[in-house]
Structures are given as C-alpha cells and as structure tokens.
Amino acid sequence: MSQQPSGWYDDPSNTDMLRYWDGVSWTNHTAPKKSPTIGQSTIGLPHQSPQGQQGQVPDRTGAPTPTTPMPQGSGWQTQSQAPQQQAPQGYYQQAPANTQWMHNIRTTADGVPLAPWGKRFAAWVIDGLILAVVGGIIAWAATPRLSELFSEMMTAAQAGNQARLVEIQNELTGPAVQFSLFLWLMATAYCLVFWTTIAQTPGKMALGISVRRAAEPGPLPLGTAVLRRLVPLAGQFVPFLSLLDGLWPLWDDKRQALHDKVASTQVVEGKQPRKQG
C-alpha cells in the first residue's frame, strides 16, 4: 500500500488551519492557512504550475511534476469517520519565504516539525524508569550476594560499626561497576532494537515523537543507531558530558543533542514510515 507523503495538509477538524501529516498519522502540530500579518498568502491554496494549471507542482529545478494522487480504497479512512482519522487532503509543500509565521516552527530540512525538549526529557524519564526496574530485577536475581551485603550494611550501620561498613563498601565496588556496565549494555540493546525497527522507544511512543536521520525519514540504520550511543557511553566515564548532552537541544537551532550531532539524527513529532519490505 502506498503511503501518503508527509507534509502540511488541510486540518480535517478545522478548515482554517493546516495540520502536519508525518506519513503515518496526524501530529499535534498545526498552523494557520494564512499569515495573521500578511494579507496575501499562497498557503491554503492548491499548488499551481507556472502555466497556472492545477494538479502540478514545480520541482526544485522548476519543471512541473504531477502531485501525488490521494489513495483510495482500503487502508485510508472515509469521510464519514472522525476528522482526526481522515486521510490528508489538500497537500501543501514548504511555505513561501514571506510567511515568517510558519518558519517559526522548527522543522527538519524536509519540513517535519522537531520535537520540543520537554517531550524528549519526558520520554527519557519513562525509558529510564523501565530500564531501571527491569535491570534492577535482573541484577538482583543474578547476584544473590547483593541482598546479603545490603542486609549486613544495614546491621553494621545500626551498630555503628564503621570498619565493617568500609569493608562492605569495598566489596560492593566490583558489583557496582559490573551493574553499571550491564545497565548500559541493556539500554543500548533496548535503544537499538526500537530505533532500527519503529524509530520509537516506549517513552517516545508515549509522547508521540520519534527519531530519524536528519537527511531522510524512516527507522535508523544499525550503523547510525550505534553511533547515536557513543556519547552516552562516554558519559559513563565523564558525568558532566551526560548533563551537557541532555541539555544541548535547549539552545541548539536544530534541537539536536550531542549524540544526535554525532549520528546526524533528529527527534521529530509523529511516527516514522515503516521500511518497505
């Protein structure tokens, strides 16, 4: 089944607005059809070829090319269903240069709205909780000695036995390092599986965002996904790097974290189109 291309379309729930279709589903990103400060705008009007014929849009070389026809039949919703489930209609390509109101929406090079830092942080918290719970259960089950050491540490603390507390802390150093490495490897496997298949971890699914290459949509290739984990790996040894990496999208004009820059990826609103089998 052919996928309708991502882009700005007539908002099914509001005829005065445009809504972004990510190629799979509607996003929450909207914009007015007409600039609130510019009287004349081509946004909201069908594209026309240089000869004034509807149904064709010029490509980057200026040559007219046919617009993509709206798919019909199974796989697309009918007009009688809820507006938010309807297939996009009235496709709009990149906004004209004079519509600055639309350029205030930060997007990828091909016009996909970028995810705000707040959504990225919330997704990271959700994924972190999942990994901490699962990793803790696995580590605890794999190393029964940990429960004994923690019990002895509590007893020594209550008795004020500082010498025994130091001994227990030294004994815990090795398992703590092993657990940290194990947790990073588990997080890496977790990320690689989701990034390379559906481009969304469970945290990103919950927030309605996904990761993609900056140059093109779709799930990440394995090599790109591995590159994206290099900065978090370095952050295991340089704690300040992890903090800087997490905060970087706040001031970056492309909303990229440091690990996004290394892998040339961006986090965007909506889902990614599945790989064609």
C-alpha atoms as a PDB file:
ATOM      1  CA  MET A   1       0.000   0.000   0.000  1.00  0.00           C
ATOM      2  CA  SER A   2       1.427   3.421  -0.965  1.00  0.00           C
ATOM      3  CA  GLN A   3       1.946   5.898   1.846  1.00  0.00           C
ATOM      4  CA  GLN A   4       0.707   9.464   1.543  1.00  0.00           C
ATOM      5  CA  PRO A   5       3.811  11.700   1.727  1.00  0.00           C
ATOM      6  CA  SER A   6       4.461  13.665   4.895  1.00  0.00           C
ATOM      7  CA  GLY A   7       3.665  17.376   4.774  1.00  0.00           C
ATOM      8  CA  TRP A   8       1.199  20.133   5.652  1.00  0.00           C
ATOM      9  CA  TYR A   9      -2.427  19.343   4.783  1.00  0.00           C
ATOM     10  CA  ASP A  10      -5.892  20.797   5.368  1.00  0.00           C
ATOM     11  CA  ASP A  11      -6.725  20.170   9.017  1.00  0.00           C
ATOM     12  CA  PRO A  12      -9.724  17.772   8.924  1.00  0.00           C
ATOM     13  CA  SER A  13     -11.082  19.298  12.132  1.00  0.00           C
ATOM     14  CA  ASN A  14     -10.629  22.982  11.200  1.00  0.00           C
ATOM     15  CA  THR A  15     -10.830  24.303   7.653  1.00  0.00           C
ATOM     16  CA  ASP A  16      -8.890  27.461   8.579  1.00  0.00           C
ATOM     17  CA  MET A  17      -5.830  25.518   9.733  1.00  0.00           C
ATOM     18  CA  LEU A  18      -3.102  23.260   8.375  1.00  0.00           C
ATOM     19  CA  ARG A  19      -2.044  20.125  10.257  1.00  0.00           C
ATOM     20  CA  TYR A  20       1.179  18.155   9.793  1.00  0.00           C
ATOM     21  CA  TRP A  21       0.842  14.575   8.499  1.00  0.00           C
ATOM     22  CA  ASP A  22       4.026  12.593   9.306  1.00  0.00           C
ATOM     23  CA  GLY A  23       3.452   9.983   6.613  1.00  0.00           C
ATOM     24  CA  VAL A  24       1.733   7.614   9.060  1.00  0.00           C
ATOM     25  CA  SER A  25      -0.681   9.627  11.196  1.00  0.00           C
ATOM     26  CA  TRP A  26      -1.719  13.171  12.105  1.00  0.00           C
ATOM     27  CA  THR A  27       0.570  15.045  14.521  1.00  0.00           C
ATOM     28  CA  ASN A  28      -0.496  17.727  17.012  1.00  0.00           C
ATOM     29  CA  HIS A  29       1.378  20.380  15.044  1.00  0.00           C
ATOM     30  CA  THR A  30      -0.892  22.965  13.386  1.00  0.00           C
ATOM     31  CA  ALA A  31      -0.520  26.339  11.661  1.00  0.00           C
ATOM     32  CA  PRO A  32      -2.979  28.856  10.206  1.00  0.00           C
ATOM     33  CA  LYS A  33      -3.508  28.723   6.467  1.00  0.00           C
ATOM     34  CA  LYS A  34      -2.993  32.437   6.109  1.00  0.00           C
ATOM     35  CA  SER A  35      -0.454  34.623   7.820  1.00  0.00           C
ATOM     36  CA  PRO A  36      -2.061  36.769  10.538  1.00  0.00           C
ATOM     37  CA  THR A  37       0.145  39.684   9.403  1.00  0.00           C
ATOM     38  CA  ILE A  38       0.290  39.198   5.641  1.00  0.00           C
ATOM     39  CA  GLY A  39      -2.800  39.889   3.572  1.00  0.00           C
ATOM     40  CA  GLN A  40      -1.759  37.874   0.563  1.00  0.00           C
ATOM     41  CA  SER A  41      -0.537  34.315   1.120  1.00  0.00           C
ATOM     42  CA  THR A  42      -0.463  31.234  -1.040  1.00  0.00           C
ATOM     43  CA  ILE A  43      -0.820  28.983   1.994  1.00  0.00           C
ATOM     44  CA  GLY A  44      -4.243  27.428   1.929  1.00  0.00           C
ATOM     45  CA  LEU A  45      -4.438  27.453  -1.877  1.00  0.00           C
ATOM     46  CA  PRO A  46      -3.786  24.479  -4.176  1.00  0.00           C
ATOM     47  CA  HIS A  47      -0.385  24.495  -5.834  1.00  0.00           C
ATOM     48  CA  GLN A  48      -0.329  25.617  -9.451  1.00  0.00           C
ATOM     49  CA  SER A  49       2.195  25.047 -12.189  1.00  0.00           C
ATOM     50  CA  PRO A  50       3.898  28.025 -13.838  1.00  0.00           C
ATOM     51  CA  GLN A  51       1.231  27.764 -16.544  1.00  0.00           C
ATOM     52  CA  GLY A  52      -1.479  28.155 -13.894  1.00  0.00           C
ATOM     53  CA  GLN A  53      -2.696  24.570 -14.181  1.00  0.00           C
ATOM     54  CA  GLN A  54      -3.776  22.868 -11.008  1.00  0.00           C
ATOM     55  CA  GLY A  55      -2.661  19.322 -10.294  1.00  0.00           C
ATOM     56  CA  GLN A  56       1.045  20.003 -10.930  1.00  0.00           C
ATOM     57  CA  VAL A  57       3.726  21.444  -8.681  1.00  0.00           C
ATOM     58  CA  PRO A  58       7.195  22.571  -9.778  1.00  0.00           C
ATOM     59  CA  ASP A  59      10.115  20.555  -8.529  1.00  0.00           C
ATOM     60  CA  ARG A  60      13.372  22.155  -7.397  1.00  0.00           C
ATOM     61  CA  THR A  61      14.541  22.546 -10.993  1.00  0.00           C
ATOM     62  CA  GLY A  62      11.370  24.415 -11.937  1.00  0.00           C
ATOM     63  CA  ALA A  63       9.913  21.599 -14.022  1.00  0.00           C
ATOM     64  CA  PRO A  64       6.302  20.747 -13.223  1.00  0.00           C
ATOM     65  CA  THR A  65       5.657  17.322 -11.763  1.00  0.00           C
ATOM     66  CA  PRO A  66       2.287  15.720 -11.014  1.00  0.00           C
ATOM     67  CA  THR A  67       1.054  15.863  -7.473  1.00  0.00           C
ATOM     68  CA  THR A  68       0.670  12.563  -5.658  1.00  0.00           C
ATOM     69  CA  PRO A  69      -2.926  11.341  -6.062  1.00  0.00           C
ATOM     70  CA  MET A  70      -4.895  10.624  -2.953  1.00  0.00           C
ATOM     71  CA  PRO A  71      -5.019   6.874  -2.286  1.00  0.00           C
ATOM     72  CA  GLN A  72      -8.448   5.343  -2.457  1.00  0.00           C
ATOM     73  CA  GLY A  73      -9.913   2.146  -1.111  1.00  0.00           C
ATOM     74  CA  SER A  74      -8.715   0.037   1.810  1.00  0.00           C
ATOM     75  CA  GLY A  75      -6.074   1.457   4.121  1.00  0.00           C
ATOM     76  CA  TRP A  76      -7.469   5.007   4.116  1.00  0.00           C
ATOM     77  CA  GLN A  77     -10.325   6.319   6.177  1.00  0.00           C
ATOM     78  CA  THR A  78     -13.590   7.512   4.640  1.00  0.00           C
ATOM     79  CA  GLN A  79     -15.065  10.968   5.007  1.00  0.00           C
ATOM     80  CA  SER A  80     -17.742   9.685   7.389  1.00  0.00           C
ATOM     81  CA  GLN A  81     -15.211   8.818  10.083  1.00  0.00           C
ATOM     82  CA  ALA A  82     -13.787  11.047  12.790  1.00  0.00           C
ATOM     83  CA  PRO A  83     -11.823  14.035  11.417  1.00  0.00           C
ATOM     84  CA  GLN A  84      -8.610  13.076  13.209  1.00  0.00           C
ATOM     85  CA  GLN A  85      -8.591   9.728  11.381  1.00  0.00           C
ATOM     86  CA  GLN A  86      -9.213  11.007   7.881  1.00  0.00           C
ATOM     87  CA  ALA A  87      -6.543  10.762   5.215  1.00  0.00           C
ATOM     88  CA  PRO A  88      -4.849  14.082   4.402  1.00  0.00           C
ATOM     89  CA  GLN A  89      -6.201  16.205   1.592  1.00  0.00           C
ATOM     90  CA  GLY A  90      -5.028  19.454   0.026  1.00  0.00           C
ATOM     91  CA  TYR A  91      -1.253  18.912   0.203  1.00  0.00           C
ATOM     92  CA  TYR A  92       0.992  21.925   0.858  1.00  0.00           C
ATOM     93  CA  GLN A  93       4.702  21.905   0.284  1.00  0.00           C
ATOM     94  CA  GLN A  94       7.210  24.183   2.016  1.00  0.00           C
ATOM     95  CA  ALA A  95       5.765  27.583   2.903  1.00  0.00           C
ATOM     96  CA  PRO A  96       6.758  30.595   0.769  1.00  0.00           C
ATOM     97  CA  ALA A  97       9.681  32.657   2.050  1.00  0.00           C
ATOM     98  CA  ASN A  98       7.486  35.604   3.087  1.00  0.00           C
ATOM     99  CA  THR A  99       5.408  33.545   5.526  1.00  0.00           C
ATOM    100  CA  GLN A 100       7.673  34.009   8.546  1.00  0.00           C
ATOM    101  CA  TRP A 101       4.890  32.881  10.889  1.00  0.00           C
ATOM    102  CA  MET A 102       5.313  29.360   9.517  1.00  0.00           C
ATOM    103  CA  HIS A 103       9.111  29.404   9.568  1.00  0.00           C
ATOM    104  CA  ASN A 104       8.937  29.963  13.333  1.00  0.00           C
ATOM    105  CA  ILE A 105       8.022  26.276  13.515  1.00  0.00           C
ATOM    106  CA  ARG A 106      11.354  24.464  13.765  1.00  0.00           C
ATOM    107  CA  THR A 107      11.497  21.603  11.296  1.00  0.00           C
ATOM    108  CA  THR A 108      13.870  19.204   9.599  1.00  0.00           C
ATOM    109  CA  ALA A 109      15.227  20.142   6.188  1.00  0.00           C
ATOM    110  CA  ASP A 110      12.225  18.462   4.557  1.00  0.00           C
ATOM    111  CA  GLY A 111       9.663  20.201   6.792  1.00  0.00           C
ATOM    112  CA  VAL A 112       8.933  17.733   9.621  1.00  0.00           C
ATOM    113  CA  PRO A 113       8.283  19.534  12.972  1.00  0.00           C
ATOM    114  CA  LEU A 114      11.005  18.911  15.556  1.00  0.00           C
ATOM    115  CA  ALA A 115      10.101  17.563  18.975  1.00  0.00           C
ATOM    116  CA  PRO A 116      10.475  20.078  21.845  1.00  0.00           C
ATOM    117  CA  TRP A 117      12.974  19.446  24.632  1.00  0.00           C
ATOM    118  CA  GLY A 118      10.196  18.824  27.174  1.00  0.00           C
ATOM    119  CA  LYS A 119       8.858  15.842  25.245  1.00  0.00           C
ATOM    120  CA  ARG A 120      12.354  14.447  24.795  1.00  0.00           C
ATOM    121  CA  PHE A 121      13.034  14.739  28.525  1.00  0.00           C
ATOM    122  CA  ALA A 122       9.721  13.104  29.471  1.00  0.00           C
ATOM    123  CA  ALA A 123      10.407  10.233  27.060  1.00  0.00           C
ATOM    124  CA  TRP A 124      13.884   9.812  28.592  1.00  0.00           C
ATOM    125  CA  VAL A 125      12.369   9.623  32.087  1.00  0.00           C
ATOM    126  CA  ILE A 126       9.880   6.933  31.013  1.00  0.00           C
ATOM    127  CA  ASP A 127      12.566   4.857  29.308  1.00  0.00           C
ATOM    128  CA  GLY A 128      14.896   5.311  32.280  1.00  0.00           C
ATOM    129  CA  LEU A 129      12.282   4.017  34.702  1.00  0.00           C
ATOM    130  CA  ILE A 130      11.605   0.982  32.518  1.00  0.00           C
ATOM    131  CA  LEU A 131      15.325   0.160  32.257  1.00  0.00           C
ATOM    132  CA  ALA A 132      15.961   0.741  35.966  1.00  0.00           C
ATOM    133  CA  VAL A 133      13.164  -1.588  37.049  1.00  0.00           C
ATOM    134  CA  VAL A 134      13.984  -4.354  34.568  1.00  0.00           C
ATOM    135  CA  GLY A 135      17.744  -4.019  35.075  1.00  0.00           C
ATOM    136  CA  GLY A 136      17.411  -3.993  38.858  1.00  0.00           C
ATOM    137  CA  ILE A 137      15.320  -7.156  38.860  1.00  0.00           C
ATOM    138  CA  ILE A 138      17.767  -8.965  36.569  1.00  0.00           C
ATOM    139  CA  ALA A 139      20.835  -7.825  38.514  1.00  0.00           C
ATOM    140  CA  TRP A 140      19.296  -8.746  41.864  1.00  0.00           C
ATOM    141  CA  ALA A 141      18.334 -12.202  40.622  1.00  0.00           C
ATOM    142  CA  ALA A 142      21.753 -12.779  39.035  1.00  0.00           C
ATOM    143  CA  THR A 143      23.760 -11.758  42.139  1.00  0.00           C
ATOM    144  CA  PRO A 144      22.131 -13.111  45.335  1.00  0.00           C
ATOM    145  CA  ARG A 145      25.173 -11.934  47.320  1.00  0.00           C
ATOM    146  CA  LEU A 146      23.972  -8.332  46.868  1.00  0.00           C
ATOM    147  CA  SER A 147      20.974  -8.840  49.143  1.00  0.00           C
ATOM    148  CA  GLU A 148      23.239 -10.306  51.828  1.00  0.00           C
ATOM    149  CA  LEU A 149      25.653  -7.385  51.584  1.00  0.00           C
ATOM    150  CA  PHE A 150      22.870  -4.822  51.853  1.00  0.00           C
ATOM    151  CA  SER A 151      21.476  -6.624  54.930  1.00  0.00           C
ATOM    152  CA  GLU A 152      24.938  -6.654  56.526  1.00  0.00           C
ATOM    153  CA  MET A 153      25.414  -2.983  55.701  1.00  0.00           C
ATOM    154  CA  MET A 154      22.141  -2.085  57.437  1.00  0.00           C
ATOM    155  CA  THR A 155      23.153  -4.100  60.500  1.00  0.00           C
ATOM    156  CA  ALA A 156      26.610  -2.510  60.622  1.00  0.00           C
ATOM    157  CA  ALA A 157      25.121   0.979  60.263  1.00  0.00           C
ATOM    158  CA  GLN A 158      22.696   0.383  63.128  1.00  0.00           C
ATOM    159  CA  ALA A 159      25.537  -0.950  65.299  1.00  0.00           C
ATOM    160  CA  GLY A 160      27.836   1.930  64.368  1.00  0.00           C
ATOM    161  CA  ASN A 161      30.475  -0.490  63.077  1.00  0.00           C
ATOM    162  CA  GLN A 162      32.377   1.831  60.708  1.00  0.00           C
ATOM    163  CA  ALA A 163      35.106  -0.714  59.935  1.00  0.00           C
ATOM    164  CA  ARG A 164      32.561  -3.234  58.689  1.00  0.00           C
ATOM    165  CA  LEU A 165      30.793  -0.541  56.644  1.00  0.00           C
ATOM    166  CA  VAL A 166      34.061   0.257  54.851  1.00  0.00           C
ATOM    167  CA  GLU A 167      34.637  -3.437  54.133  1.00  0.00           C
ATOM    168  CA  ILE A 168      31.137  -3.808  52.667  1.00  0.00           C
ATOM    169  CA  GLN A 169      31.524  -0.686  50.540  1.00  0.00           C
ATOM    170  CA  ASN A 170      34.787  -2.032  49.119  1.00  0.00           C
ATOM    171  CA  GLU A 171      33.145  -5.373  48.436  1.00  0.00           C
ATOM    172  CA  LEU A 172      30.290  -3.626  46.625  1.00  0.00           C
ATOM    173  CA  THR A 173      32.611  -1.660  44.311  1.00  0.00           C
ATOM    174  CA  GLY A 174      33.132  -4.529  41.890  1.00  0.00           C
ATOM    175  CA  PRO A 175      29.433  -5.473  41.563  1.00  0.00           C
ATOM    176  CA  ALA A 176      28.511  -1.781  41.236  1.00  0.00           C
ATOM    177  CA  VAL A 177      30.845  -1.360  38.250  1.00  0.00           C
ATOM    178  CA  GLN A 178      29.551  -4.568  36.706  1.00  0.00           C
ATOM    179  CA  PHE A 179      25.947  -3.460  37.202  1.00  0.00           C
ATOM    180  CA  SER A 180      26.662  -0.071  35.611  1.00  0.00           C
ATOM    181  CA  LEU A 181      28.179  -1.765  32.549  1.00  0.00           C
ATOM    182  CA  PHE A 182      25.330  -4.252  32.371  1.00  0.00           C
ATOM    183  CA  LEU A 183      22.740  -1.476  32.588  1.00  0.00           C
ATOM    184  CA  TRP A 184      24.430   0.457  29.766  1.00  0.00           C
ATOM    185  CA  LEU A 185      24.559  -2.649  27.555  1.00  0.00           C
ATOM    186  CA  MET A 186      20.898  -3.369  28.267  1.00  0.00           C
ATOM    187  CA  ALA A 187      19.962   0.248  27.491  1.00  0.00           C
ATOM    188  CA  THR A 188      21.955   0.052  24.251  1.00  0.00           C
ATOM    189  CA  ALA A 189      20.186  -3.131  23.154  1.00  0.00           C
ATOM    190  CA  TYR A 190      16.843  -1.569  24.124  1.00  0.00           C
ATOM    191  CA  CYS A 191      17.527   1.525  22.032  1.00  0.00           C
ATOM    192  CA  LEU A 192      18.980  -0.276  19.018  1.00  0.00           C
ATOM    193  CA  VAL A 193      16.018  -2.627  18.723  1.00  0.00           C
ATOM    194  CA  PHE A 194      13.413   0.143  18.833  1.00  0.00           C
ATOM    195  CA  TRP A 195      15.370   2.733  16.796  1.00  0.00           C
ATOM    196  CA  THR A 196      16.051   0.338  13.930  1.00  0.00           C
ATOM    197  CA  THR A 197      12.523  -1.107  13.750  1.00  0.00           C
ATOM    198  CA  ILE A 198       9.914   1.537  14.558  1.00  0.00           C
ATOM    199  CA  ALA A 199      12.139   4.541  15.444  1.00  0.00           C
ATOM    200  CA  GLN A 200      10.399   4.905  18.819  1.00  0.00           C
ATOM    201  CA  THR A 201      11.262   3.604  22.265  1.00  0.00           C
ATOM    202  CA  PRO A 202       8.262   3.115  24.578  1.00  0.00           C
ATOM    203  CA  GLY A 203       8.973   6.542  26.083  1.00  0.00           C
ATOM    204  CA  LYS A 204       8.872   8.185  22.657  1.00  0.00           C
ATOM    205  CA  MET A 205       5.709   6.265  21.777  1.00  0.00           C
ATOM    206  CA  ALA A 206       4.018   7.662  24.886  1.00  0.00           C
ATOM    207  CA  LEU A 207       4.959  11.235  23.902  1.00  0.00           C
ATOM    208  CA  GLY A 208       4.193  10.853  20.187  1.00  0.00           C
ATOM    209  CA  ILE A 209       7.733  11.513  18.924  1.00  0.00           C
ATOM    210  CA  SER A 210      10.330   9.505  17.018  1.00  0.00           C
ATOM    211  CA  VAL A 211      13.964   9.588  15.897  1.00  0.00           C
ATOM    212  CA  ARG A 212      15.141   9.686  12.281  1.00  0.00           C
ATOM    213  CA  ARG A 213      18.155  10.641  10.216  1.00  0.00           C
ATOM    214  CA  ALA A 214      18.357  14.364   9.545  1.00  0.00           C
ATOM    215  CA  ALA A 215      18.543  13.755   5.797  1.00  0.00           C
ATOM    216  CA  GLU A 216      15.632  11.342   5.383  1.00  0.00           C
ATOM    217  CA  PRO A 217      12.723   9.764   7.289  1.00  0.00           C
ATOM    218  CA  GLY A 218      12.388   6.185   8.438  1.00  0.00           C
ATOM    219  CA  PRO A 219      13.879   3.977  11.186  1.00  0.00           C
ATOM    220  CA  LEU A 220      17.615   4.291  11.768  1.00  0.00           C
ATOM    221  CA  PRO A 221      20.122   2.000  10.046  1.00  0.00           C
ATOM    222  CA  LEU A 222      22.085  -0.082  12.547  1.00  0.00           C
ATOM    223  CA  GLY A 223      25.309   1.885  11.995  1.00  0.00           C
ATOM    224  CA  THR A 224      23.565   5.193  12.685  1.00  0.00           C
ATOM    225  CA  ALA A 225      21.906   3.764  15.795  1.00  0.00           C
ATOM    226  CA  VAL A 226      25.282   2.569  17.135  1.00  0.00           C
ATOM    227  CA  LEU A 227      26.832   5.997  16.517  1.00  0.00           C
ATOM    228  CA  ARG A 228      23.975   7.561  18.475  1.00  0.00           C
ATOM    229  CA  ARG A 229      25.007   5.539  21.560  1.00  0.00           C
ATOM    230  CA  LEU A 230      28.659   6.668  21.590  1.00  0.00           C
ATOM    231  CA  VAL A 231      28.100   9.890  23.559  1.00  0.00           C
ATOM    232  CA  PRO A 232      26.033   8.126  26.279  1.00  0.00           C
ATOM    233  CA  LEU A 233      28.896   5.594  26.509  1.00  0.00           C
ATOM    234  CA  ALA A 234      31.421   8.382  27.015  1.00  0.00           C
ATOM    235  CA  GLY A 235      29.056   9.877  29.594  1.00  0.00           C
ATOM    236  CA  GLN A 236      29.570   6.770  31.743  1.00  0.00           C
ATOM    237  CA  PHE A 237      33.137   7.995  32.361  1.00  0.00           C
ATOM    238  CA  VAL A 238      32.556  11.772  32.125  1.00  0.00           C
ATOM    239  CA  PRO A 239      29.361  12.557  34.103  1.00  0.00           C
ATOM    240  CA  PHE A 240      29.322  16.220  33.072  1.00  0.00           C
ATOM    241  CA  LEU A 241      29.124  15.090  29.428  1.00  0.00           C
ATOM    242  CA  SER A 242      25.801  13.339  30.069  1.00  0.00           C
ATOM    243  CA  LEU A 243      24.332  16.531  31.542  1.00  0.00           C
ATOM    244  CA  LEU A 244      25.618  18.647  28.654  1.00  0.00           C
ATOM    245  CA  ASP A 245      24.308  16.137  26.120  1.00  0.00           C
ATOM    246  CA  GLY A 246      20.843  16.146  27.654  1.00  0.00           C
ATOM    247  CA  LEU A 247      20.577  19.942  27.821  1.00  0.00           C
ATOM    248  CA  TRP A 248      22.092  20.717  24.418  1.00  0.00           C
ATOM    249  CA  PRO A 249      18.750  20.732  22.480  1.00  0.00           C
ATOM    250  CA  LEU A 250      17.600  23.684  24.602  1.00  0.00           C
ATOM    251  CA  TRP A 251      19.851  26.114  22.707  1.00  0.00           C
ATOM    252  CA  ASP A 252      20.646  24.186  19.521  1.00  0.00           C
ATOM    253  CA  ASP A 253      18.951  25.624  16.421  1.00  0.00           C
ATOM    254  CA  LYS A 254      18.245  22.101  15.147  1.00  0.00           C
ATOM    255  CA  ARG A 255      17.190  20.841  18.598  1.00  0.00           C
ATOM    256  CA  GLN A 256      19.893  18.187  18.421  1.00  0.00           C
ATOM    257  CA  ALA A 257      21.595  16.673  21.444  1.00  0.00           C
ATOM    258  CA  LEU A 258      25.307  15.918  21.153  1.00  0.00           C
ATOM    259  CA  HIS A 259      24.544  12.285  20.347  1.00  0.00           C
ATOM    260  CA  ASP A 260      22.235  13.498  17.550  1.00  0.00           C
ATOM    261  CA  LYS A 261      25.063  15.557  16.074  1.00  0.00           C
ATOM    262  CA  VAL A 262      27.456  12.599  16.141  1.00  0.00           C
ATOM    263  CA  ALA A 263      24.926  10.380  14.340  1.00  0.00           C
ATOM    264  CA  SER A 264      23.275  13.133  12.204  1.00  0.00           C
ATOM    265  CA  THR A 265      19.830  12.384  13.636  1.00  0.00           C
ATOM    266  CA  GLN A 266      16.885  14.481  14.807  1.00  0.00           C
ATOM    267  CA  VAL A 267      13.900  13.805  17.062  1.00  0.00           C
ATOM    268  CA  VAL A 268      10.632  14.790  15.418  1.00  0.00           C
ATOM    269  CA  GLU A 269       6.910  14.888  16.048  1.00  0.00           C
ATOM    270  CA  GLY A 270       4.914  11.831  14.996  1.00  0.00           C
ATOM    271  CA  LYS A 271       5.847   8.353  13.799  1.00  0.00           C
ATOM    272  CA  GLN A 272       8.205   7.253  11.078  1.00  0.00           C
ATOM    273  CA  PRO A 273       7.090   5.399   7.929  1.00  0.00           C
ATOM    274  CA  ARG A 274       7.881   1.718   8.155  1.00  0.00           C
ATOM    275  CA  LYS A 275      10.544   0.144   5.993  1.00  0.00           C
ATOM    276  CA  GLN A 276       9.184  -1.194   2.753  1.00  0.00           C
ATOM    277  CA  GLY A 277       9.589  -4.972   2.719  1.00  0.00           C
END
